[in-house]
Amino acid sequence: MNLLPWGGPTARAMSVLGVEADILAYLAPGMILSVLYVIFFVARSMGKKERARLGIQELTEEELNELTTISDPEVLEKRRPQKLRNQRYLNNRINRLVGCWFIHQFNRSETSCIILSWYRFSLND
């Protein structure tokens, strides 16, 4: 299904036959039906075949939680150590403060006031 090429030949036929744009009204139901057919039948059947080919399984919510939950404290500490998290938080705040100060120094306008206001509100995240 490709709707794009219908415009060119239809426009040429309209100009050759001297027909107004009413001919497009005759094409609209076919276009709508073809779009619905592709969405609801072709795409669904192709998706099911591809899922079967790949061997995709349906998992319950409990199985997903079991597979994705990390219960070992050592693994959690290795993934995101607390010291590094605090250091990133502090670096982020310092960078925001310095950046806002530079903007305010070189551009004393409403924009800098808005950015400074944003900085004050962003301290809570």
N, C-alpha and C. Protein backbone atom coordinates (compact mmCIF):
# COMPACT_ATOMS: atom_id res chain seq x y z
N MET A 1 0.85 -1.17 0.00
CA MET A 1 0.00 0.00 0.00
C MET A 1 0.90 1.23 0.00
N ASN A 2 0.70 2.08 -0.97
CA ASN A 2 1.50 3.29 -1.07
C ASN A 2 0.57 4.39 -1.58
N LEU A 3 0.25 5.35 -0.73
CA LEU A 3 -0.69 6.40 -1.11
C LEU A 3 -0.03 7.55 -1.86
N LEU A 4 1.25 7.70 -1.70
CA LEU A 4 1.93 8.85 -2.29
C LEU A 4 1.85 8.90 -3.81
N PRO A 5 2.07 7.80 -4.55
CA PRO A 5 2.04 7.91 -6.01
C PRO A 5 0.66 8.21 -6.59
N TRP A 6 -0.38 8.09 -5.81
CA TRP A 6 -1.71 8.34 -6.36
C TRP A 6 -1.88 9.80 -6.73
N GLY A 7 -1.16 10.68 -6.10
CA GLY A 7 -1.32 12.12 -6.36
C GLY A 7 -0.90 12.53 -7.75
N GLY A 8 0.26 12.05 -8.22
CA GLY A 8 0.76 12.43 -9.54
C GLY A 8 -0.12 11.98 -10.68
N PRO A 9 -0.38 10.67 -10.80
CA PRO A 9 -1.23 10.21 -11.90
C PRO A 9 -2.65 10.78 -11.83
N THR A 10 -3.15 10.96 -10.64
CA THR A 10 -4.49 11.53 -10.51
C THR A 10 -4.52 12.97 -10.99
N ALA A 11 -3.49 13.73 -10.65
CA ALA A 11 -3.42 15.12 -11.09
C ALA A 11 -3.29 15.20 -12.61
N ARG A 12 -2.48 14.31 -13.21
CA ARG A 12 -2.35 14.31 -14.67
C ARG A 12 -3.67 13.92 -15.33
N ALA A 13 -4.34 12.92 -14.79
CA ALA A 13 -5.62 12.50 -15.37
C ALA A 13 -6.64 13.62 -15.24
N MET A 14 -6.62 14.33 -14.11
CA MET A 14 -7.56 15.44 -13.93
C MET A 14 -7.31 16.53 -14.95
N SER A 15 -6.04 16.85 -15.22
CA SER A 15 -5.75 17.93 -16.17
C SER A 15 -6.06 17.51 -17.61
N VAL A 16 -5.78 16.25 -17.96
CA VAL A 16 -6.04 15.77 -19.32
C VAL A 16 -7.53 15.68 -19.59
N LEU A 17 -8.27 15.14 -18.64
CA LEU A 17 -9.71 14.95 -18.84
C LEU A 17 -10.52 16.20 -18.55
N GLY A 18 -9.89 17.20 -17.97
CA GLY A 18 -10.60 18.44 -17.65
C GLY A 18 -11.60 18.25 -16.52
N VAL A 19 -11.28 17.36 -15.60
CA VAL A 19 -12.16 17.05 -14.48
C VAL A 19 -11.72 17.90 -13.27
N GLU A 20 -12.70 18.30 -12.50
CA GLU A 20 -12.39 19.07 -11.28
C GLU A 20 -11.80 18.12 -10.23
N ALA A 21 -11.58 18.62 -9.03
CA ALA A 21 -11.00 17.84 -7.94
C ALA A 21 -12.01 16.85 -7.35
N ASP A 22 -13.18 16.73 -7.95
CA ASP A 22 -14.18 15.79 -7.45
C ASP A 22 -13.72 14.34 -7.57
N ILE A 23 -12.78 14.08 -8.48
CA ILE A 23 -12.32 12.71 -8.66
C ILE A 23 -11.63 12.18 -7.40
N LEU A 24 -11.04 13.09 -6.62
CA LEU A 24 -10.38 12.67 -5.38
C LEU A 24 -11.38 12.11 -4.37
N ALA A 25 -12.62 12.57 -4.43
CA ALA A 25 -13.64 12.05 -3.53
C ALA A 25 -13.91 10.58 -3.80
N TYR A 26 -13.74 10.16 -5.08
CA TYR A 26 -13.95 8.75 -5.41
C TYR A 26 -12.80 7.88 -4.93
N LEU A 27 -11.63 8.47 -4.81
CA LEU A 27 -10.46 7.71 -4.34
C LEU A 27 -10.40 7.59 -2.81
N ALA A 28 -11.00 8.52 -2.11
CA ALA A 28 -10.88 8.57 -0.64
C ALA A 28 -11.36 7.29 0.05
N PRO A 29 -12.52 6.69 -0.31
CA PRO A 29 -12.92 5.46 0.39
C PRO A 29 -11.91 4.32 0.20
N GLY A 30 -11.36 4.20 -1.01
CA GLY A 30 -10.36 3.16 -1.23
C GLY A 30 -9.09 3.40 -0.43
N MET A 31 -8.71 4.65 -0.32
CA MET A 31 -7.52 4.97 0.48
C MET A 31 -7.75 4.65 1.95
N ILE A 32 -8.91 5.03 2.45
CA ILE A 32 -9.23 4.78 3.86
C ILE A 32 -9.29 3.28 4.14
N LEU A 33 -9.96 2.54 3.26
CA LEU A 33 -10.05 1.09 3.45
C LEU A 33 -8.68 0.42 3.38
N SER A 34 -7.83 0.88 2.48
CA SER A 34 -6.50 0.27 2.37
C SER A 34 -5.66 0.55 3.61
N VAL A 35 -5.77 1.76 4.16
CA VAL A 35 -5.04 2.08 5.39
C VAL A 35 -5.53 1.20 6.53
N LEU A 36 -6.83 1.06 6.67
CA LEU A 36 -7.38 0.21 7.74
C LEU A 36 -6.97 -1.24 7.56
N TYR A 37 -6.98 -1.73 6.32
CA TYR A 37 -6.58 -3.11 6.04
C TYR A 37 -5.12 -3.34 6.45
N VAL A 38 -4.25 -2.42 6.08
CA VAL A 38 -2.83 -2.58 6.40
C VAL A 38 -2.60 -2.53 7.91
N ILE A 39 -3.27 -1.61 8.59
CA ILE A 39 -3.06 -1.46 10.03
C ILE A 39 -3.59 -2.66 10.80
N PHE A 40 -4.81 -3.08 10.50
CA PHE A 40 -5.45 -4.09 11.34
C PHE A 40 -5.22 -5.53 10.90
N PHE A 41 -4.90 -5.77 9.65
CA PHE A 41 -4.74 -7.15 9.20
C PHE A 41 -3.30 -7.48 8.81
N VAL A 42 -2.73 -6.71 7.92
CA VAL A 42 -1.38 -7.02 7.44
C VAL A 42 -0.35 -6.85 8.56
N ALA A 43 -0.38 -5.72 9.25
CA ALA A 43 0.61 -5.47 10.31
C ALA A 43 0.47 -6.47 11.44
N ARG A 44 -0.76 -6.81 11.79
CA ARG A 44 -0.97 -7.78 12.88
C ARG A 44 -0.43 -9.16 12.51
N SER A 45 -0.72 -9.61 11.30
CA SER A 45 -0.24 -10.94 10.90
C SER A 45 1.29 -10.96 10.76
N MET A 46 1.86 -9.88 10.23
CA MET A 46 3.32 -9.82 10.13
C MET A 46 3.97 -9.79 11.51
N GLY A 47 3.36 -9.07 12.44
CA GLY A 47 3.88 -9.02 13.80
C GLY A 47 3.84 -10.37 14.49
N LYS A 48 2.73 -11.09 14.31
CA LYS A 48 2.63 -12.42 14.93
C LYS A 48 3.65 -13.39 14.34
N LYS A 49 3.85 -13.33 13.02
CA LYS A 49 4.84 -14.21 12.40
C LYS A 49 6.25 -13.89 12.90
N GLU A 50 6.56 -12.61 13.04
CA GLU A 50 7.89 -12.21 13.50
C GLU A 50 8.11 -12.61 14.96
N ARG A 51 7.09 -12.46 15.79
CA ARG A 51 7.22 -12.88 17.19
C ARG A 51 7.44 -14.39 17.29
N ALA A 52 6.75 -15.15 16.44
CA ALA A 52 6.94 -16.61 16.43
C ALA A 52 8.34 -16.96 15.94
N ARG A 53 8.82 -16.24 14.93
CA ARG A 53 10.15 -16.50 14.40
C ARG A 53 11.24 -16.22 15.44
N LEU A 54 11.08 -15.14 16.20
CA LEU A 54 12.07 -14.76 17.20
C LEU A 54 11.93 -15.56 18.49
N GLY A 55 10.80 -16.19 18.70
CA GLY A 55 10.58 -16.96 19.92
C GLY A 55 10.28 -16.09 21.12
N ILE A 56 9.56 -15.02 20.92
CA ILE A 56 9.22 -14.11 22.01
C ILE A 56 8.14 -14.75 22.88
N GLN A 57 8.35 -14.69 24.19
CA GLN A 57 7.41 -15.27 25.14
C GLN A 57 6.71 -14.17 25.91
N GLU A 58 5.50 -14.44 26.31
CA GLU A 58 4.75 -13.52 27.16
C GLU A 58 5.10 -13.82 28.62
N LEU A 59 5.53 -12.81 29.35
CA LEU A 59 5.88 -12.98 30.76
C LEU A 59 4.86 -12.26 31.63
N THR A 60 4.59 -12.84 32.80
CA THR A 60 3.69 -12.19 33.74
C THR A 60 4.44 -11.09 34.48
N GLU A 61 3.71 -10.29 35.19
CA GLU A 61 4.31 -9.19 35.95
C GLU A 61 5.25 -9.72 37.03
N GLU A 62 4.89 -10.83 37.65
CA GLU A 62 5.74 -11.42 38.69
C GLU A 62 7.06 -11.92 38.11
N GLU A 63 6.99 -12.55 36.93
CA GLU A 63 8.22 -13.03 36.29
C GLU A 63 9.12 -11.88 35.89
N LEU A 64 8.54 -10.79 35.39
CA LEU A 64 9.33 -9.62 35.03
C LEU A 64 10.01 -9.02 36.25
N ASN A 65 9.28 -8.90 37.36
CA ASN A 65 9.87 -8.36 38.59
C ASN A 65 10.99 -9.26 39.10
N GLU A 66 10.81 -10.57 39.00
CA GLU A 66 11.82 -11.50 39.46
C GLU A 66 13.10 -11.38 38.62
N LEU A 67 12.94 -11.17 37.33
CA LEU A 67 14.10 -11.07 36.45
C LEU A 67 14.84 -9.74 36.59
N THR A 68 14.13 -8.68 36.94
CA THR A 68 14.76 -7.35 36.94
C THR A 68 15.13 -6.82 38.32
N THR A 69 14.67 -7.45 39.40
CA THR A 69 14.97 -6.96 40.74
C THR A 69 16.34 -7.44 41.19
N ILE A 70 17.12 -6.52 41.74
CA ILE A 70 18.43 -6.87 42.28
C ILE A 70 18.32 -6.83 43.79
N SER A 71 18.60 -7.96 44.42
CA SER A 71 18.46 -8.05 45.87
C SER A 71 19.81 -8.09 46.59
N ASP A 72 20.89 -8.29 45.86
CA ASP A 72 22.20 -8.39 46.47
C ASP A 72 22.75 -6.97 46.73
N PRO A 73 23.03 -6.63 48.01
CA PRO A 73 23.52 -5.28 48.32
C PRO A 73 24.86 -4.95 47.67
N GLU A 74 25.73 -5.95 47.50
CA GLU A 74 27.03 -5.69 46.88
C GLU A 74 26.86 -5.27 45.42
N VAL A 75 25.94 -5.92 44.73
CA VAL A 75 25.71 -5.56 43.33
C VAL A 75 25.12 -4.16 43.24
N LEU A 76 24.22 -3.84 44.15
CA LEU A 76 23.65 -2.49 44.15
C LEU A 76 24.70 -1.44 44.40
N GLU A 77 25.64 -1.71 45.30
CA GLU A 77 26.69 -0.74 45.61
C GLU A 77 27.64 -0.58 44.43
N LYS A 78 27.91 -1.67 43.71
CA LYS A 78 28.78 -1.59 42.55
C LYS A 78 28.12 -0.83 41.40
N ARG A 79 26.82 -0.95 41.30
CA ARG A 79 26.12 -0.28 40.20
C ARG A 79 26.10 1.23 40.39
N ARG A 80 25.89 1.70 41.59
CA ARG A 80 25.85 3.15 41.83
C ARG A 80 26.29 3.41 43.26
N PRO A 81 27.57 3.61 43.47
CA PRO A 81 28.05 3.88 44.82
C PRO A 81 27.51 5.21 45.35
N GLN A 82 27.25 5.26 46.64
CA GLN A 82 26.67 6.44 47.28
C GLN A 82 27.61 7.64 47.19
N LYS A 83 28.90 7.42 47.35
CA LYS A 83 29.86 8.52 47.30
C LYS A 83 29.86 9.17 45.92
N LEU A 84 29.85 8.37 44.88
CA LEU A 84 29.84 8.89 43.52
C LEU A 84 28.54 9.64 43.23
N ARG A 85 27.44 9.13 43.75
CA ARG A 85 26.15 9.79 43.56
C ARG A 85 26.15 11.18 44.20
N ASN A 86 26.69 11.29 45.42
CA ASN A 86 26.77 12.59 46.09
C ASN A 86 27.71 13.54 45.35
N GLN A 87 28.81 13.01 44.82
CA GLN A 87 29.76 13.83 44.09
C GLN A 87 29.12 14.37 42.81
N ARG A 88 28.38 13.53 42.08
CA ARG A 88 27.71 13.99 40.86
C ARG A 88 26.66 15.04 41.19
N TYR A 89 25.95 14.85 42.27
CA TYR A 89 24.93 15.81 42.68
C TYR A 89 25.56 17.16 42.96
N LEU A 90 26.65 17.17 43.69
CA LEU A 90 27.34 18.42 44.03
C LEU A 90 27.92 19.07 42.77
N ASN A 91 28.55 18.28 41.89
CA ASN A 91 29.09 18.83 40.64
C ASN A 91 27.99 19.44 39.78
N ASN A 92 26.85 18.78 39.73
CA ASN A 92 25.73 19.28 38.94
C ASN A 92 25.27 20.63 39.48
N ARG A 93 25.14 20.75 40.78
CA ARG A 93 24.70 22.01 41.37
C ARG A 93 25.71 23.13 41.14
N ILE A 94 26.99 22.82 41.29
CA ILE A 94 28.02 23.84 41.07
C ILE A 94 28.02 24.30 39.61
N ASN A 95 27.93 23.36 38.68
CA ASN A 95 27.90 23.72 37.26
C ASN A 95 26.69 24.59 36.94
N ARG A 96 25.55 24.28 37.51
CA ARG A 96 24.36 25.09 37.25
C ARG A 96 24.53 26.50 37.81
N LEU A 97 25.06 26.59 39.00
CA LEU A 97 25.24 27.90 39.63
C LEU A 97 26.23 28.76 38.84
N VAL A 98 27.36 28.19 38.45
CA VAL A 98 28.36 28.94 37.68
C VAL A 98 27.80 29.34 36.32
N GLY A 99 27.11 28.44 35.66
CA GLY A 99 26.53 28.75 34.36
C GLY A 99 25.50 29.87 34.45
N CYS A 100 24.65 29.82 35.44
CA CYS A 100 23.65 30.88 35.62
C CYS A 100 24.32 32.20 35.96
N TRP A 101 25.37 32.16 36.74
CA TRP A 101 26.07 33.40 37.10
C TRP A 101 26.68 34.04 35.86
N PHE A 102 27.31 33.22 34.97
CA PHE A 102 27.89 33.75 33.74
C PHE A 102 26.81 34.35 32.84
N ILE A 103 25.72 33.67 32.71
CA ILE A 103 24.64 34.18 31.87
C ILE A 103 24.14 35.51 32.42
N HIS A 104 24.01 35.59 33.72
CA HIS A 104 23.52 36.82 34.33
C HIS A 104 24.54 37.96 34.19
N GLN A 105 25.83 37.65 34.26
CA GLN A 105 26.85 38.69 34.14
C GLN A 105 26.91 39.28 32.74
N PHE A 106 26.78 38.44 31.72
CA PHE A 106 26.95 38.91 30.35
C PHE A 106 25.64 39.25 29.66
N ASN A 107 24.53 38.91 30.27
CA ASN A 107 23.25 39.15 29.62
C ASN A 107 22.25 39.53 30.70
N ARG A 108 22.23 40.76 31.09
CA ARG A 108 21.30 41.21 32.13
C ARG A 108 19.96 41.54 31.50
N SER A 109 19.18 40.52 31.34
CA SER A 109 17.87 40.71 30.71
C SER A 109 16.86 39.80 31.40
N GLU A 110 15.66 39.77 30.82
CA GLU A 110 14.62 38.89 31.38
C GLU A 110 15.02 37.43 31.25
N THR A 111 15.75 37.09 30.19
CA THR A 111 16.16 35.70 29.99
C THR A 111 17.02 35.23 31.15
N SER A 112 17.96 36.04 31.57
CA SER A 112 18.81 35.62 32.67
C SER A 112 18.01 35.49 33.96
N CYS A 113 17.02 36.35 34.15
CA CYS A 113 16.18 36.23 35.34
C CYS A 113 15.37 34.94 35.31
N ILE A 114 14.89 34.58 34.13
CA ILE A 114 14.13 33.33 33.99
C ILE A 114 15.04 32.14 34.28
N ILE A 115 16.26 32.18 33.76
CA ILE A 115 17.19 31.07 33.97
C ILE A 115 17.56 30.97 35.45
N LEU A 116 17.78 32.10 36.10
CA LEU A 116 18.08 32.05 37.53
C LEU A 116 16.89 31.53 38.33
N SER A 117 15.69 31.90 37.92
CA SER A 117 14.50 31.36 38.60
C SER A 117 14.42 29.86 38.42
N TRP A 118 14.73 29.41 37.19
CA TRP A 118 14.72 27.97 36.93
C TRP A 118 15.73 27.27 37.83
N TYR A 119 16.89 27.90 38.01
CA TYR A 119 17.91 27.29 38.85
C TYR A 119 17.41 27.15 40.29
N ARG A 120 16.74 28.18 40.80
CA ARG A 120 16.24 28.10 42.17
C ARG A 120 15.24 26.97 42.33
N PHE A 121 14.37 26.81 41.33
CA PHE A 121 13.36 25.74 41.43
C PHE A 121 13.96 24.36 41.16
N SER A 122 15.06 24.32 40.41
CA SER A 122 15.66 23.03 40.08
C SER A 122 16.45 22.45 41.25
N LEU A 123 16.65 23.22 42.29
CA LEU A 123 17.38 22.70 43.45
C LEU A 123 16.62 21.56 44.14
N ASN A 124 15.34 21.45 43.89
CA ASN A 124 14.54 20.42 44.55
C ASN A 124 14.62 19.07 43.87
N ASP A 125 15.15 18.98 42.64
CA ASP A 125 15.14 17.68 41.96
C ASP A 125 16.27 16.79 42.34
